[in-house]
Amino acid sequence: MGELRKIPGVGKETEKDLIMLGYTTIESLKDANPEELYQKECLMSGQHIDRCQLYVYRCAVYFASTENPDPEKLKWWYWKD
């Protein structure tokens, strides 16, 4: 299990996606733009990806950017539109 899997909501496939996008550590996600990550992944895959992936990215960036994250905000569905 890689470091990114320590982020709540990030499983094996999302970890692979983040690495493909150039994010290999939790620190590298700090202050990243989740919407840009999502759009870049859609472009790279050549298809529309389920918006749940965007919500996971929002949660991951929050986790990486926040010293003492609120446990309620560590659930991907908290980040839905």
C-alpha atoms as a PDB file:
ATOM      1  CA  MET A   1       0.000   0.000   0.000  1.00  0.00           C
ATOM      2  CA  GLY A   2       1.372   3.368  -1.014  1.00  0.00           C
ATOM      3  CA  GLU A   3       1.283   6.576   0.970  1.00  0.00           C
ATOM      4  CA  LEU A   4      -1.715   7.929  -0.954  1.00  0.00           C
ATOM      5  CA  ARG A   5      -3.848   5.046   0.315  1.00  0.00           C
ATOM      6  CA  LYS A   6      -3.617   6.612   3.786  1.00  0.00           C
ATOM      7  CA  ILE A   7      -6.016   9.283   2.532  1.00  0.00           C
ATOM      8  CA  PRO A   8      -9.619   8.436   3.445  1.00  0.00           C
ATOM      9  CA  GLY A   9     -11.536   7.349   0.357  1.00  0.00           C
ATOM     10  CA  VAL A  10      -8.446   6.658  -1.753  1.00  0.00           C
ATOM     11  CA  GLY A  11      -8.256   3.033  -2.795  1.00  0.00           C
ATOM     12  CA  LYS A  12      -5.953   1.145  -5.121  1.00  0.00           C
ATOM     13  CA  GLU A  13      -7.466   2.501  -8.361  1.00  0.00           C
ATOM     14  CA  THR A  14      -7.643   6.127  -7.224  1.00  0.00           C
ATOM     15  CA  GLU A  15      -4.063   5.859  -6.015  1.00  0.00           C
ATOM     16  CA  LYS A  16      -3.077   4.723  -9.528  1.00  0.00           C
ATOM     17  CA  ASP A  17      -5.014   7.652 -11.001  1.00  0.00           C
ATOM     18  CA  LEU A  18      -3.294  10.169  -8.726  1.00  0.00           C
ATOM     19  CA  ILE A  19       0.129   8.777  -9.595  1.00  0.00           C
ATOM     20  CA  MET A  20      -0.766   8.957 -13.307  1.00  0.00           C
ATOM     21  CA  LEU A  21      -1.637  12.635 -12.720  1.00  0.00           C
ATOM     22  CA  GLY A  22       1.773  13.243 -11.119  1.00  0.00           C
ATOM     23  CA  TYR A  23       0.815  13.120  -7.441  1.00  0.00           C
ATOM     24  CA  THR A  24       2.889  10.517  -5.648  1.00  0.00           C
ATOM     25  CA  THR A  25       2.753  11.726  -2.043  1.00  0.00           C
ATOM     26  CA  ILE A  26       0.233  13.280   0.299  1.00  0.00           C
ATOM     27  CA  GLU A  27       2.419  16.395   0.437  1.00  0.00           C
ATOM     28  CA  SER A  28       2.277  16.733  -3.354  1.00  0.00           C
ATOM     29  CA  LEU A  29      -1.528  17.092  -3.139  1.00  0.00           C
ATOM     30  CA  LYS A  30      -1.327  19.996  -0.705  1.00  0.00           C
ATOM     31  CA  ASP A  31      -3.181  22.986  -2.175  1.00  0.00           C
ATOM     32  CA  ALA A  32      -3.804  21.185  -5.499  1.00  0.00           C
ATOM     33  CA  ASN A  33      -6.963  22.077  -7.420  1.00  0.00           C
ATOM     34  CA  PRO A  34      -9.358  19.081  -7.312  1.00  0.00           C
ATOM     35  CA  GLU A  35     -11.346  20.324 -10.314  1.00  0.00           C
ATOM     36  CA  GLU A  36      -8.164  20.525 -12.393  1.00  0.00           C
ATOM     37  CA  LEU A  37      -7.183  17.002 -11.331  1.00  0.00           C
ATOM     38  CA  TYR A  38     -10.603  15.724 -12.383  1.00  0.00           C
ATOM     39  CA  GLN A  39     -10.579  17.546 -15.733  1.00  0.00           C
ATOM     40  CA  LYS A  40      -7.036  16.374 -16.482  1.00  0.00           C
ATOM     41  CA  GLU A  41      -7.997  12.777 -15.733  1.00  0.00           C
ATOM     42  CA  CYS A  42     -11.038  13.059 -18.032  1.00  0.00           C
ATOM     43  CA  LEU A  43      -8.807  14.413 -20.817  1.00  0.00           C
ATOM     44  CA  MET A  44      -6.135  11.769 -20.300  1.00  0.00           C
ATOM     45  CA  SER A  45      -8.659   8.939 -20.329  1.00  0.00           C
ATOM     46  CA  GLY A  46     -10.580  10.379 -23.267  1.00  0.00           C
ATOM     47  CA  GLN A  47     -13.896   9.974 -21.509  1.00  0.00           C
ATOM     48  CA  HIS A  48     -16.159  11.491 -18.898  1.00  0.00           C
ATOM     49  CA  ILE A  49     -15.363  10.046 -15.477  1.00  0.00           C
ATOM     50  CA  ASP A  50     -18.001   9.690 -12.776  1.00  0.00           C
ATOM     51  CA  ARG A  51     -18.155  12.872 -10.665  1.00  0.00           C
ATOM     52  CA  CYS A  52     -17.618  10.786  -7.536  1.00  0.00           C
ATOM     53  CA  GLN A  53     -13.937  10.841  -8.502  1.00  0.00           C
ATOM     54  CA  LEU A  54     -14.034  14.646  -8.223  1.00  0.00           C
ATOM     55  CA  TYR A  55     -15.510  14.336  -4.740  1.00  0.00           C
ATOM     56  CA  VAL A  56     -12.706  11.954  -3.726  1.00  0.00           C
ATOM     57  CA  TYR A  57     -10.164  14.439  -5.095  1.00  0.00           C
ATOM     58  CA  ARG A  58     -11.759  17.263  -3.100  1.00  0.00           C
ATOM     59  CA  CYS A  59     -11.523  15.147   0.046  1.00  0.00           C
ATOM     60  CA  ALA A  60      -7.926  14.136  -0.694  1.00  0.00           C
ATOM     61  CA  VAL A  61      -6.775  17.715  -1.213  1.00  0.00           C
ATOM     62  CA  TYR A  62      -8.576  18.789   1.970  1.00  0.00           C
ATOM     63  CA  PHE A  63      -6.824  15.979   3.872  1.00  0.00           C
ATOM     64  CA  ALA A  64      -3.422  16.899   2.442  1.00  0.00           C
ATOM     65  CA  SER A  65      -3.884  20.634   3.028  1.00  0.00           C
ATOM     66  CA  THR A  66      -5.355  20.575   6.544  1.00  0.00           C
ATOM     67  CA  GLU A  67      -3.288  19.990   9.660  1.00  0.00           C
ATOM     68  CA  ASN A  68      -6.170  18.706  11.807  1.00  0.00           C
ATOM     69  CA  PRO A  69      -8.924  17.682   9.383  1.00  0.00           C
ATOM     70  CA  ASP A  70     -12.516  17.487  10.591  1.00  0.00           C
ATOM     71  CA  PRO A  71     -13.480  13.769  10.619  1.00  0.00           C
ATOM     72  CA  GLU A  72     -16.851  14.603   9.040  1.00  0.00           C
ATOM     73  CA  LYS A  73     -15.070  16.161   6.052  1.00  0.00           C
ATOM     74  CA  LEU A  74     -13.031  12.990   5.494  1.00  0.00           C
ATOM     75  CA  LYS A  75     -15.989  11.269   3.871  1.00  0.00           C
ATOM     76  CA  TRP A  76     -16.016  11.719   0.093  1.00  0.00           C
ATOM     77  CA  TRP A  77     -19.783  12.328   0.006  1.00  0.00           C
ATOM     78  CA  TYR A  78     -19.332  15.433   2.141  1.00  0.00           C
ATOM     79  CA  TRP A  79     -17.726  17.002  -0.956  1.00  0.00           C
ATOM     80  CA  LYS A  80     -20.628  16.397  -3.375  1.00  0.00           C
ATOM     81  CA  ASP A  81     -21.941  19.362  -5.393  1.00  0.00           C
END
